[in-house]
Amino acid sequence: MSLAAYIQSRLFDSENPAPRRRGKRPVKDHQALAQVLGKLGQSRLSANLNQLARSANSGSLPVTPDTEAALLAAVAEIREIRLLLMEALNLEVEP
């Protein structure tokens, strides 16, 4: 609808409802997006990464098998969340 037609319809036809707007990037899969949000809520990812960053900045982060396992677990969680987000937003998923 052109701007002039829109203005005329709004001014002279008060019973005509305003046209609906579309989102710029609609979500394709609401269930997948809900899974991502659920994973983020259950995850202690941000707290764990914050603790690791503090330890690394202070120089008190020893490289032990436990530290390595925690980092690998965080990477796996981030990868899973990333893939779910890409699916939900209908983006191409890389292997």
N, C-alpha and C. Protein backbone atom coordinates (compact mmCIF):
# COMPACT_ATOMS: atom_id res chain seq x y z
N MET A 1 0.86 -1.17 0.00
CA MET A 1 0.00 0.00 0.00
C MET A 1 0.91 1.23 0.00
N SER A 2 0.64 2.15 -0.90
CA SER A 2 1.44 3.36 -0.95
C SER A 2 1.13 4.24 0.26
N LEU A 3 1.99 5.20 0.51
CA LEU A 3 1.80 6.09 1.64
C LEU A 3 0.53 6.92 1.47
N ALA A 4 0.30 7.42 0.25
CA ALA A 4 -0.90 8.23 0.00
C ALA A 4 -2.17 7.41 0.22
N ALA A 5 -2.17 6.17 -0.27
CA ALA A 5 -3.35 5.31 -0.09
C ALA A 5 -3.57 5.00 1.39
N TYR A 6 -2.50 4.79 2.11
CA TYR A 6 -2.62 4.51 3.54
C TYR A 6 -3.21 5.72 4.28
N ILE A 7 -2.70 6.91 3.99
CA ILE A 7 -3.19 8.12 4.65
C ILE A 7 -4.66 8.34 4.33
N GLN A 8 -5.03 8.16 3.06
CA GLN A 8 -6.44 8.34 2.69
C GLN A 8 -7.33 7.33 3.41
N SER A 9 -6.88 6.07 3.47
CA SER A 9 -7.71 5.06 4.12
C SER A 9 -7.86 5.35 5.61
N ARG A 10 -6.81 5.82 6.25
CA ARG A 10 -6.88 6.13 7.67
C ARG A 10 -7.72 7.37 7.94
N LEU A 11 -7.66 8.38 7.06
CA LEU A 11 -8.40 9.63 7.25
C LEU A 11 -9.88 9.49 6.93
N PHE A 12 -10.17 8.83 5.81
CA PHE A 12 -11.55 8.84 5.29
C PHE A 12 -12.32 7.56 5.56
N ASP A 13 -11.68 6.51 6.00
CA ASP A 13 -12.38 5.26 6.28
C ASP A 13 -12.05 4.82 7.70
N SER A 14 -12.74 5.41 8.66
CA SER A 14 -12.42 5.16 10.07
C SER A 14 -12.77 3.74 10.51
N GLU A 15 -13.62 3.04 9.76
CA GLU A 15 -13.99 1.67 10.13
C GLU A 15 -12.95 0.66 9.63
N ASN A 16 -12.11 1.08 8.73
CA ASN A 16 -11.08 0.19 8.18
C ASN A 16 -9.96 0.05 9.22
N PRO A 17 -9.68 -1.19 9.68
CA PRO A 17 -8.62 -1.36 10.68
C PRO A 17 -7.24 -1.09 10.08
N ALA A 18 -6.33 -0.71 10.93
CA ALA A 18 -4.95 -0.46 10.49
C ALA A 18 -4.32 -1.77 10.02
N PRO A 19 -3.49 -1.71 9.00
CA PRO A 19 -2.84 -2.94 8.52
C PRO A 19 -1.89 -3.50 9.58
N ARG A 20 -1.79 -4.83 9.60
CA ARG A 20 -0.91 -5.49 10.55
C ARG A 20 0.53 -5.42 10.06
N ARG A 21 1.45 -5.34 10.99
CA ARG A 21 2.87 -5.31 10.66
C ARG A 21 3.47 -6.69 10.86
N ARG A 22 4.41 -7.02 10.01
CA ARG A 22 5.13 -8.28 10.13
C ARG A 22 6.45 -8.03 10.84
N GLY A 23 6.89 -9.02 11.60
CA GLY A 23 8.20 -8.93 12.23
C GLY A 23 9.28 -9.01 11.16
N LYS A 24 10.40 -8.41 11.42
CA LYS A 24 11.49 -8.43 10.45
C LYS A 24 12.11 -9.82 10.33
N ARG A 25 12.22 -10.52 11.44
CA ARG A 25 12.80 -11.86 11.44
C ARG A 25 11.92 -12.79 12.28
N PRO A 26 10.88 -13.35 11.70
CA PRO A 26 9.99 -14.20 12.48
C PRO A 26 10.68 -15.51 12.89
N VAL A 27 10.31 -16.00 14.04
CA VAL A 27 10.84 -17.27 14.53
C VAL A 27 10.11 -18.39 13.80
N LYS A 28 10.87 -19.31 13.24
CA LYS A 28 10.29 -20.41 12.47
C LYS A 28 9.81 -21.55 13.36
N ASP A 29 10.50 -21.80 14.45
CA ASP A 29 10.19 -22.95 15.29
C ASP A 29 10.15 -22.53 16.75
N HIS A 30 8.97 -22.26 17.24
CA HIS A 30 8.81 -21.78 18.62
C HIS A 30 9.20 -22.86 19.64
N GLN A 31 8.97 -24.12 19.31
CA GLN A 31 9.33 -25.20 20.24
C GLN A 31 10.85 -25.27 20.40
N ALA A 32 11.60 -25.14 19.31
CA ALA A 32 13.06 -25.17 19.40
C ALA A 32 13.56 -23.97 20.20
N LEU A 33 12.94 -22.82 20.00
CA LEU A 33 13.35 -21.64 20.76
C LEU A 33 13.06 -21.83 22.25
N ALA A 34 11.94 -22.46 22.57
CA ALA A 34 11.61 -22.74 23.97
C ALA A 34 12.64 -23.69 24.58
N GLN A 35 13.12 -24.67 23.79
CA GLN A 35 14.16 -25.57 24.29
C GLN A 35 15.43 -24.81 24.62
N VAL A 36 15.80 -23.88 23.76
CA VAL A 36 17.00 -23.08 24.00
C VAL A 36 16.86 -22.27 25.28
N LEU A 37 15.72 -21.61 25.43
CA LEU A 37 15.51 -20.81 26.63
C LEU A 37 15.52 -21.68 27.88
N GLY A 38 14.96 -22.88 27.79
CA GLY A 38 14.99 -23.81 28.91
C GLY A 38 16.40 -24.24 29.26
N LYS A 39 17.19 -24.53 28.23
CA LYS A 39 18.59 -24.91 28.46
C LYS A 39 19.37 -23.78 29.13
N LEU A 40 19.14 -22.57 28.66
CA LEU A 40 19.82 -21.43 29.26
C LEU A 40 19.42 -21.25 30.72
N GLY A 41 18.15 -21.48 31.02
CA GLY A 41 17.68 -21.34 32.40
C GLY A 41 18.24 -22.41 33.31
N GLN A 42 18.41 -23.63 32.82
CA GLN A 42 18.92 -24.73 33.63
C GLN A 42 20.43 -24.68 33.77
N SER A 43 21.08 -24.06 32.83
CA SER A 43 22.54 -24.05 32.78
C SER A 43 23.12 -23.07 33.79
N ARG A 44 24.24 -23.47 34.39
CA ARG A 44 25.00 -22.56 35.25
C ARG A 44 26.18 -22.03 34.44
N LEU A 45 25.99 -22.01 33.14
CA LEU A 45 27.06 -21.67 32.22
C LEU A 45 27.67 -20.30 32.49
N SER A 46 26.83 -19.30 32.64
CA SER A 46 27.37 -17.95 32.83
C SER A 46 28.13 -17.84 34.15
N ALA A 47 27.59 -18.43 35.20
CA ALA A 47 28.28 -18.38 36.49
C ALA A 47 29.60 -19.13 36.44
N ASN A 48 29.60 -20.29 35.79
CA ASN A 48 30.83 -21.07 35.71
C ASN A 48 31.90 -20.34 34.89
N LEU A 49 31.50 -19.78 33.77
CA LEU A 49 32.47 -19.06 32.94
C LEU A 49 32.99 -17.82 33.66
N ASN A 50 32.13 -17.16 34.42
CA ASN A 50 32.56 -15.99 35.19
C ASN A 50 33.60 -16.39 36.24
N GLN A 51 33.37 -17.50 36.92
CA GLN A 51 34.34 -17.97 37.91
C GLN A 51 35.68 -18.32 37.26
N LEU A 52 35.61 -18.97 36.09
CA LEU A 52 36.84 -19.32 35.39
C LEU A 52 37.60 -18.06 34.94
N ALA A 53 36.86 -17.06 34.46
CA ALA A 53 37.50 -15.82 34.02
C ALA A 53 38.16 -15.10 35.19
N ARG A 54 37.48 -15.05 36.34
CA ARG A 54 38.08 -14.43 37.53
C ARG A 54 39.37 -15.13 37.94
N SER A 55 39.32 -16.46 37.95
CA SER A 55 40.50 -17.24 38.33
C SER A 55 41.64 -17.02 37.34
N ALA A 56 41.31 -16.99 36.06
CA ALA A 56 42.34 -16.77 35.03
C ALA A 56 42.95 -15.38 35.17
N ASN A 57 42.12 -14.38 35.42
CA ASN A 57 42.63 -13.01 35.56
C ASN A 57 43.50 -12.84 36.80
N SER A 58 43.20 -13.56 37.85
CA SER A 58 44.00 -13.43 39.07
C SER A 58 45.24 -14.32 39.05
N GLY A 59 45.32 -15.21 38.05
CA GLY A 59 46.47 -16.12 37.96
C GLY A 59 46.36 -17.33 38.84
N SER A 60 45.19 -17.57 39.39
CA SER A 60 45.02 -18.70 40.30
C SER A 60 44.31 -19.89 39.67
N LEU A 61 44.28 -19.95 38.35
CA LEU A 61 43.60 -21.05 37.66
C LEU A 61 44.61 -22.13 37.30
N PRO A 62 44.71 -23.17 38.12
CA PRO A 62 45.63 -24.26 37.77
C PRO A 62 45.01 -25.12 36.66
N VAL A 63 45.86 -25.60 35.78
CA VAL A 63 45.39 -26.46 34.69
C VAL A 63 45.44 -27.89 35.18
N THR A 64 44.30 -28.35 35.66
CA THR A 64 44.17 -29.72 36.16
C THR A 64 43.19 -30.46 35.26
N PRO A 65 43.11 -31.77 35.39
CA PRO A 65 42.11 -32.51 34.62
C PRO A 65 40.67 -32.04 34.92
N ASP A 66 40.41 -31.63 36.15
CA ASP A 66 39.08 -31.12 36.50
C ASP A 66 38.78 -29.81 35.77
N THR A 67 39.78 -28.93 35.72
CA THR A 67 39.61 -27.66 35.02
C THR A 67 39.36 -27.90 33.54
N GLU A 68 40.13 -28.80 32.96
CA GLU A 68 39.97 -29.12 31.54
C GLU A 68 38.59 -29.71 31.28
N ALA A 69 38.13 -30.59 32.16
CA ALA A 69 36.81 -31.20 32.00
C ALA A 69 35.70 -30.14 32.09
N ALA A 70 35.87 -29.19 33.01
CA ALA A 70 34.87 -28.13 33.15
C ALA A 70 34.82 -27.26 31.90
N LEU A 71 36.00 -26.96 31.36
CA LEU A 71 36.04 -26.14 30.14
C LEU A 71 35.42 -26.89 28.96
N LEU A 72 35.72 -28.16 28.83
CA LEU A 72 35.15 -28.95 27.73
C LEU A 72 33.63 -29.09 27.88
N ALA A 73 33.14 -29.21 29.11
CA ALA A 73 31.69 -29.28 29.34
C ALA A 73 31.03 -27.96 28.95
N ALA A 74 31.67 -26.84 29.30
CA ALA A 74 31.12 -25.54 28.94
C ALA A 74 31.08 -25.37 27.42
N VAL A 75 32.14 -25.81 26.75
CA VAL A 75 32.17 -25.73 25.28
C VAL A 75 31.05 -26.56 24.68
N ALA A 76 30.83 -27.76 25.21
CA ALA A 76 29.76 -28.63 24.69
C ALA A 76 28.39 -27.99 24.89
N GLU A 77 28.17 -27.37 26.06
CA GLU A 77 26.89 -26.70 26.31
C GLU A 77 26.68 -25.52 25.37
N ILE A 78 27.73 -24.75 25.17
CA ILE A 78 27.63 -23.61 24.26
C ILE A 78 27.33 -24.08 22.84
N ARG A 79 27.99 -25.14 22.41
CA ARG A 79 27.77 -25.68 21.07
C ARG A 79 26.31 -26.13 20.91
N GLU A 80 25.78 -26.83 21.91
CA GLU A 80 24.40 -27.30 21.83
C GLU A 80 23.41 -26.13 21.79
N ILE A 81 23.64 -25.13 22.61
CA ILE A 81 22.76 -23.95 22.62
C ILE A 81 22.83 -23.23 21.28
N ARG A 82 24.03 -23.10 20.73
CA ARG A 82 24.22 -22.45 19.44
C ARG A 82 23.44 -23.17 18.34
N LEU A 83 23.57 -24.50 18.31
CA LEU A 83 22.87 -25.28 17.29
C LEU A 83 21.35 -25.15 17.43
N LEU A 84 20.85 -25.20 18.66
CA LEU A 84 19.41 -25.05 18.88
C LEU A 84 18.92 -23.66 18.46
N LEU A 85 19.70 -22.63 18.76
CA LEU A 85 19.33 -21.28 18.33
C LEU A 85 19.31 -21.16 16.82
N MET A 86 20.30 -21.74 16.16
CA MET A 86 20.34 -21.67 14.70
C MET A 86 19.15 -22.40 14.09
N GLU A 87 18.77 -23.54 14.67
CA GLU A 87 17.59 -24.27 14.22
C GLU A 87 16.33 -23.43 14.40
N ALA A 88 16.19 -22.83 15.57
CA ALA A 88 15.00 -22.05 15.90
C ALA A 88 14.86 -20.84 14.97
N LEU A 89 15.96 -20.26 14.60
CA LEU A 89 15.93 -19.08 13.74
C LEU A 89 16.02 -19.45 12.27
N ASN A 90 15.96 -20.75 11.98
CA ASN A 90 15.95 -21.25 10.60
C ASN A 90 17.21 -20.84 9.85
N LEU A 91 18.36 -20.92 10.53
CA LEU A 91 19.64 -20.62 9.91
C LEU A 91 20.33 -21.91 9.53
N GLU A 92 21.23 -21.85 8.59
CA GLU A 92 21.95 -23.04 8.16
C GLU A 92 22.83 -23.55 9.29
N VAL A 93 22.69 -24.83 9.62
CA VAL A 93 23.45 -25.43 10.71
C VAL A 93 24.71 -26.04 10.14
N GLU A 94 25.86 -25.64 10.69
CA GLU A 94 27.14 -26.18 10.27
C GLU A 94 27.44 -27.43 11.06
N PRO A 95 28.07 -28.44 10.44
CA PRO A 95 28.40 -29.67 11.20
C PRO A 95 29.49 -29.44 12.21
